[in-house]
């Protein structure tokens, strides 16, 4: 073999072999779509959503109250910890969220089971009316509840916030439990009755455990909606019963803008949400593994 043939064979052995077939064509198409229009829009949307959060986190450590960076400082977090009014609003939010979510979960679960099991004349009307708080704008619900409490003579306070939050949380729990019941195998109920179980035993030992994923989903959704609600709470809150969203709004309007203390509070809430999501994700993985 000549010298040129030896060099040609060496170069051919070093050069990667081109793959043929359908897999190679898909790989080339994927490379061409690496910077497609949809992916570009996705990246721009993510930057648009998360860039304000990064700016908020950055200026929560600013020593100045303005937008000019004057130095690193933790004094806004110290003021956040020392603010009694803020922690009172936070405790009000927790009390209302947990109590209203628990009440809405109990009523919504019982209502969903009753509507799904029994056939009565006003069944379709009950299903339609139960979804009205989800469809109506929150400002209409807030104004109507405020007028109702004033007409009945109930003073505005934590109790009225609790009633209002239970009202608009109820449809979400009802919908999630109904979705779970639609996948329910009613032969299990018949088997329980054949084995001698009463109506109450079937409900608490068979139906409720099977519906537990939907019940827990409704409970967590109700707590989340209650914690972040502002519009309805603004109309039904009384003096000294402000929740955290109402307190943040009052602090912003009273001082003419977002203060560094509110920025520090936002950072703490973001970190708390991330920690909670990661913990719940690991817990669900642990439950699924078992």
Protein backbone atom coordinates (compact mmCIF):
# COMPACT_ATOMS: atom_id res chain seq x y z
CA UNK A 1 0.00 0.00 0.00
CA UNK A 2 1.29 3.44 -0.90
CA UNK A 3 1.94 6.21 1.59
CA UNK A 4 -1.11 8.14 0.37
CA UNK A 5 -3.31 5.10 0.95
CA UNK A 6 -2.02 4.70 4.51
CA UNK A 7 -2.72 8.39 5.30
CA UNK A 8 -6.20 8.15 3.76
CA UNK A 9 -7.05 5.09 5.87
CA UNK A 10 -5.78 6.80 9.04
CA UNK A 11 -7.88 9.92 8.43
CA UNK A 12 -10.94 7.79 7.66
CA UNK A 13 -10.56 5.85 10.90
CA UNK A 14 -10.26 9.06 12.97
CA UNK A 15 -13.21 10.83 11.29
CA UNK A 16 -16.55 9.95 13.03
CA UNK A 17 -18.79 7.68 11.04
CA UNK A 18 -21.96 9.36 9.86
CA UNK A 19 -25.03 7.71 11.25
CA UNK A 20 -27.70 6.86 8.76
CA UNK A 21 -31.40 6.28 9.02
CA UNK A 22 -34.35 7.83 10.86
CA UNK A 23 -32.42 8.49 14.09
CA UNK A 24 -29.87 10.64 12.27
CA UNK A 25 -32.58 12.70 10.59
CA UNK A 26 -34.34 13.31 13.93
CA UNK A 27 -31.02 14.37 15.48
CA UNK A 28 -30.41 16.88 12.68
CA UNK A 29 -33.92 18.31 13.05
CA UNK A 30 -33.43 18.67 16.80
CA UNK A 31 -30.19 20.56 16.21
CA UNK A 32 -31.90 22.86 13.75
CA UNK A 33 -34.70 23.51 16.25
CA UNK A 34 -32.27 24.35 19.07
CA UNK A 35 -33.13 28.04 18.72
CA UNK A 36 -36.68 27.82 17.43
CA UNK A 37 -39.22 30.58 17.83
CA UNK A 38 -41.19 28.75 20.54
CA UNK A 39 -38.11 28.16 22.67
CA UNK A 40 -37.06 31.79 22.24
CA UNK A 41 -40.48 32.97 23.40
CA UNK A 42 -40.27 30.57 26.35
CA UNK A 43 -36.87 31.92 27.43
CA UNK A 44 -38.02 35.54 27.08
CA UNK A 45 -41.15 34.77 29.13
CA UNK A 46 -39.14 33.14 31.91
CA UNK A 47 -36.78 36.13 32.04
CA UNK A 48 -39.75 38.51 32.08
CA UNK A 49 -41.34 36.64 35.00
CA UNK A 50 -38.27 36.10 37.16
CA UNK A 51 -36.27 39.27 36.53
CA UNK A 52 -38.48 41.41 38.85
CA UNK A 53 -37.99 38.82 41.61
CA UNK A 54 -34.22 39.01 41.20
CA UNK A 55 -34.35 42.82 41.35
CA UNK A 56 -36.54 42.61 44.45
CA UNK A 57 -34.10 40.24 46.16
CA UNK A 58 -31.14 42.44 45.19
CA UNK A 59 -32.59 45.68 46.60
CA UNK A 60 -33.78 44.03 49.81
CA UNK A 61 -30.11 44.08 50.87
CA UNK A 62 -29.59 47.72 49.90
CA UNK A 63 -28.69 50.06 52.75
CA UNK A 64 -30.67 52.91 51.16
CA UNK A 65 -34.41 53.25 50.69
CA UNK A 66 -33.97 54.42 47.10
CA UNK A 67 -32.94 52.63 43.94
CA UNK A 68 -29.31 53.74 44.21
CA UNK A 69 -27.05 51.06 45.66
CA UNK A 70 -25.26 52.44 48.72
CA UNK A 71 -24.01 49.25 50.37
CA UNK A 72 -24.94 45.83 51.68
CA UNK A 73 -27.15 45.82 54.78
CA UNK A 74 -29.47 43.51 56.73
CA UNK A 75 -31.29 46.23 58.63
CA UNK A 76 -34.51 45.81 56.65
CA UNK A 77 -34.67 42.18 57.74
CA UNK A 78 -34.13 43.31 61.32
CA UNK A 79 -37.05 45.74 60.99
CA UNK A 80 -39.10 42.95 59.46
CA UNK A 81 -38.51 40.73 62.48
CA UNK A 82 -39.26 43.58 64.90
CA UNK A 83 -42.53 44.65 63.22
CA UNK A 84 -45.38 43.62 65.52
CA UNK A 85 -48.07 44.90 63.16
CA UNK A 86 -46.76 42.71 60.35
CA UNK A 87 -46.65 39.57 62.48
CA UNK A 88 -50.17 40.28 63.72
CA UNK A 89 -51.37 40.45 60.13
CA UNK A 90 -49.48 37.25 59.34
CA UNK A 91 -51.09 35.43 62.27
CA UNK A 92 -54.51 36.67 61.15
CA UNK A 93 -53.84 35.27 57.68
CA UNK A 94 -52.85 31.89 59.08
CA UNK A 95 -55.87 31.69 61.40
CA UNK A 96 -58.32 32.61 58.64
CA UNK A 97 -56.64 30.39 56.03
CA UNK A 98 -56.55 27.24 58.14
CA UNK A 99 -60.04 27.65 59.64
CA UNK A 100 -61.79 28.64 56.40
CA UNK A 101 -59.99 25.93 54.39
CA UNK A 102 -60.93 23.26 56.95
CA UNK A 103 -64.58 24.37 56.95
CA UNK A 104 -64.73 24.57 53.15
CA UNK A 105 -63.12 21.13 52.89
CA UNK A 106 -65.65 19.51 55.22
CA UNK A 107 -68.69 21.15 53.59
CA UNK A 108 -67.35 20.67 50.05
CA UNK A 109 -66.56 16.99 50.63
CA UNK A 110 -69.97 16.24 52.12
CA UNK A 111 -71.69 18.21 49.35
CA UNK A 112 -69.74 16.46 46.58
CA UNK A 113 -70.50 13.01 48.00
CA UNK A 114 -74.18 13.87 48.42
CA UNK A 115 -74.55 15.28 44.91
CA UNK A 116 -72.68 12.35 43.39
CA UNK A 117 -74.50 9.62 45.31
CA UNK A 118 -78.08 10.80 45.55
CA UNK A 119 -80.56 11.84 42.88
CA UNK A 120 -82.95 14.64 43.84
CA UNK A 121 -84.96 17.28 42.04
CA UNK A 122 -82.64 20.28 42.49
CA UNK A 123 -79.41 18.36 41.91
CA UNK A 124 -78.43 20.18 38.70
CA UNK A 125 -79.24 23.57 40.24
CA UNK A 126 -77.06 22.82 43.26
CA UNK A 127 -74.15 21.93 40.98
CA UNK A 128 -74.60 25.13 38.96
CA UNK A 129 -74.91 27.42 41.99
CA UNK A 130 -71.89 25.87 43.68
CA UNK A 131 -69.65 27.06 40.83
CA UNK A 132 -70.86 30.67 40.87
CA UNK A 133 -68.15 31.94 43.29
CA UNK A 134 -65.51 30.63 40.86
CA UNK A 135 -67.06 32.45 37.89
CA UNK A 136 -68.03 35.77 39.46
CA UNK A 137 -65.37 38.50 39.76
CA UNK A 138 -63.93 38.81 43.24
CA UNK A 139 -64.92 42.46 43.53
CA UNK A 140 -68.60 41.50 43.08
CA UNK A 141 -68.30 38.83 45.78
CA UNK A 142 -66.55 41.27 48.12
CA UNK A 143 -69.10 44.06 47.66
CA UNK A 144 -72.09 41.70 47.99
CA UNK A 145 -70.70 40.13 51.16
CA UNK A 146 -69.96 43.56 52.61
CA UNK A 147 -73.54 44.67 51.93
CA UNK A 148 -74.88 41.42 53.38
CA UNK A 149 -72.89 41.77 56.62
CA UNK A 150 -73.98 45.40 56.97
CA UNK A 151 -77.63 44.47 56.40
CA UNK A 152 -77.53 41.60 58.89
CA UNK A 153 -75.69 43.71 61.44
CA UNK A 154 -72.52 41.60 61.74
CA UNK A 155 -69.49 43.81 62.50
CA UNK A 156 -66.56 43.47 60.14
CA UNK A 157 -63.63 41.52 61.55
CA UNK A 158 -61.91 38.15 61.44
CA UNK A 159 -65.25 36.34 61.52
CA UNK A 160 -66.50 38.06 58.37
CA UNK A 161 -63.18 37.33 56.63
CA UNK A 162 -63.53 33.69 57.68
CA UNK A 163 -67.07 33.49 56.23
CA UNK A 164 -66.01 35.19 53.01
CA UNK A 165 -63.00 32.92 52.48
CA UNK A 166 -65.08 29.83 53.21
CA UNK A 167 -67.57 30.99 50.59
CA UNK A 168 -65.13 31.36 47.71
CA UNK A 169 -63.00 28.34 48.73
CA UNK A 170 -65.97 25.97 48.77
CA UNK A 171 -66.34 25.52 44.97
CA UNK A 172 -62.68 24.55 44.54
CA UNK A 173 -62.94 21.77 47.12
CA UNK A 174 -66.27 20.67 45.67
CA UNK A 175 -64.81 20.46 42.16
CA UNK A 176 -61.73 18.47 43.20
CA UNK A 177 -63.68 15.95 45.25
CA UNK A 178 -66.22 15.58 42.44
CA UNK A 179 -63.38 14.87 40.00
CA UNK A 180 -62.15 12.14 42.32
CA UNK A 181 -65.64 10.67 42.69
CA UNK A 182 -66.06 10.51 38.90
CA UNK A 183 -63.28 7.89 38.88
CA UNK A 184 -64.84 6.04 41.81
CA UNK A 185 -65.64 2.32 41.47
CA UNK A 186 -69.07 1.97 43.09
CA UNK A 187 -68.75 -1.80 43.21
CA UNK A 188 -66.62 -1.21 46.32
CA UNK A 189 -69.62 0.44 47.99
CA UNK A 190 -71.83 -2.50 47.05
CA UNK A 191 -69.23 -4.93 48.42
CA UNK A 192 -69.10 -3.00 51.70
CA UNK A 193 -72.89 -3.13 52.01
CA UNK A 194 -72.89 -6.84 51.22
CA UNK A 195 -70.40 -7.37 54.04
CA UNK A 196 -72.74 -5.66 56.49
CA UNK A 197 -71.28 -2.14 56.65
CA UNK A 198 -73.71 0.62 57.53
CA UNK A 199 -74.03 3.92 55.63
CA UNK A 200 -71.77 5.74 58.11
CA UNK A 201 -69.15 2.97 58.13
CA UNK A 202 -69.07 2.94 54.34
CA UNK A 203 -68.67 6.70 54.28
CA UNK A 204 -65.81 7.00 56.78
CA UNK A 205 -63.98 3.73 56.10
CA UNK A 206 -64.37 3.35 52.34
CA UNK A 207 -65.44 6.53 50.57
CA UNK A 208 -63.44 9.14 52.47
CA UNK A 209 -60.11 7.22 52.34
CA UNK A 210 -60.49 6.69 48.59
CA UNK A 211 -61.33 10.38 48.08
CA UNK A 212 -58.45 11.52 50.31
CA UNK A 213 -56.18 12.70 47.43
CA UNK A 214 -58.93 15.01 46.18
CA UNK A 215 -59.75 16.16 49.71
CA UNK A 216 -56.10 17.02 50.46
CA UNK A 217 -55.75 18.79 47.12
CA UNK A 218 -58.83 20.86 47.88
CA UNK A 219 -57.57 21.67 51.37
CA UNK A 220 -54.16 22.85 50.15
CA UNK A 221 -55.73 24.84 47.33
CA UNK A 222 -58.12 26.53 49.76
CA UNK A 223 -55.25 27.46 52.10
CA UNK A 224 -53.27 28.93 49.21
CA UNK A 225 -56.21 30.95 47.87
CA UNK A 226 -57.02 32.26 51.33
CA UNK A 227 -53.45 33.35 52.05
CA UNK A 228 -53.10 35.32 48.82
CA UNK A 229 -56.59 36.83 48.56
CA UNK A 230 -56.76 40.60 48.70
CA UNK A 231 -59.85 41.89 46.87
CA UNK A 232 -62.54 40.11 48.90
CA UNK A 233 -60.63 40.55 52.16
CA UNK A 234 -60.32 44.30 51.53
CA UNK A 235 -64.13 44.68 51.53
CA UNK A 236 -64.91 42.49 54.54
CA UNK A 237 -61.98 43.29 56.87
CA UNK A 238 -62.58 45.50 59.88
CA UNK A 239 -60.28 47.57 62.08
CA UNK A 240 -57.46 45.50 63.55
CA UNK A 241 -58.27 42.44 61.45
CA UNK A 242 -56.06 43.01 58.43
CA UNK A 243 -54.48 40.01 56.78
CA UNK A 244 -51.00 40.00 55.24
CA UNK A 245 -52.05 41.07 51.70
CA UNK A 246 -54.11 43.96 53.10
CA UNK A 247 -51.20 44.98 55.35
CA UNK A 248 -48.78 44.99 52.39
CA UNK A 249 -51.20 47.10 50.33
CA UNK A 250 -51.64 49.55 53.20
CA UNK A 251 -47.88 49.82 53.70
CA UNK A 252 -47.31 50.51 50.01
CA UNK A 253 -50.06 53.14 49.69
CA UNK A 254 -49.19 54.80 53.00
CA UNK A 255 -45.51 55.26 52.13
CA UNK A 256 -45.88 55.86 48.42
CA UNK A 257 -44.21 52.73 47.06
CA UNK A 258 -42.57 49.44 47.83
CA UNK A 259 -40.36 49.90 50.88
CA UNK A 260 -37.26 47.77 51.57
CA UNK A 261 -39.14 46.11 54.45
CA UNK A 262 -41.77 44.87 52.00
CA UNK A 263 -38.95 43.69 49.73
CA UNK A 264 -37.42 41.76 52.62
CA UNK A 265 -40.82 40.26 53.42
CA UNK A 266 -41.21 39.20 49.78
CA UNK A 267 -37.81 37.49 49.84
CA UNK A 268 -38.75 35.59 53.00
CA UNK A 269 -42.05 34.50 51.43
CA UNK A 270 -40.26 33.34 48.25
CA UNK A 271 -37.77 31.29 50.27
CA UNK A 272 -40.56 29.86 52.41
CA UNK A 273 -42.52 28.84 49.30
CA UNK A 274 -39.47 27.15 47.76
CA UNK A 275 -38.67 25.26 50.97
CA UNK A 276 -42.30 24.17 51.33
CA UNK A 277 -42.50 22.96 47.72
CA UNK A 278 -39.24 21.01 47.97
CA UNK A 279 -40.30 19.44 51.28
CA UNK A 280 -43.71 18.42 49.94
CA UNK A 281 -42.12 17.01 46.78
CA UNK A 282 -39.74 14.85 48.78
CA UNK A 283 -42.55 13.79 51.09
CA UNK A 284 -44.72 12.73 48.14
CA UNK A 285 -41.80 10.79 46.67
CA UNK A 286 -41.34 9.07 50.04
CA UNK A 287 -45.03 8.18 50.19
CA UNK A 288 -45.02 6.93 46.60
CA UNK A 289 -41.95 4.77 47.25
CA UNK A 290 -43.77 3.02 50.08
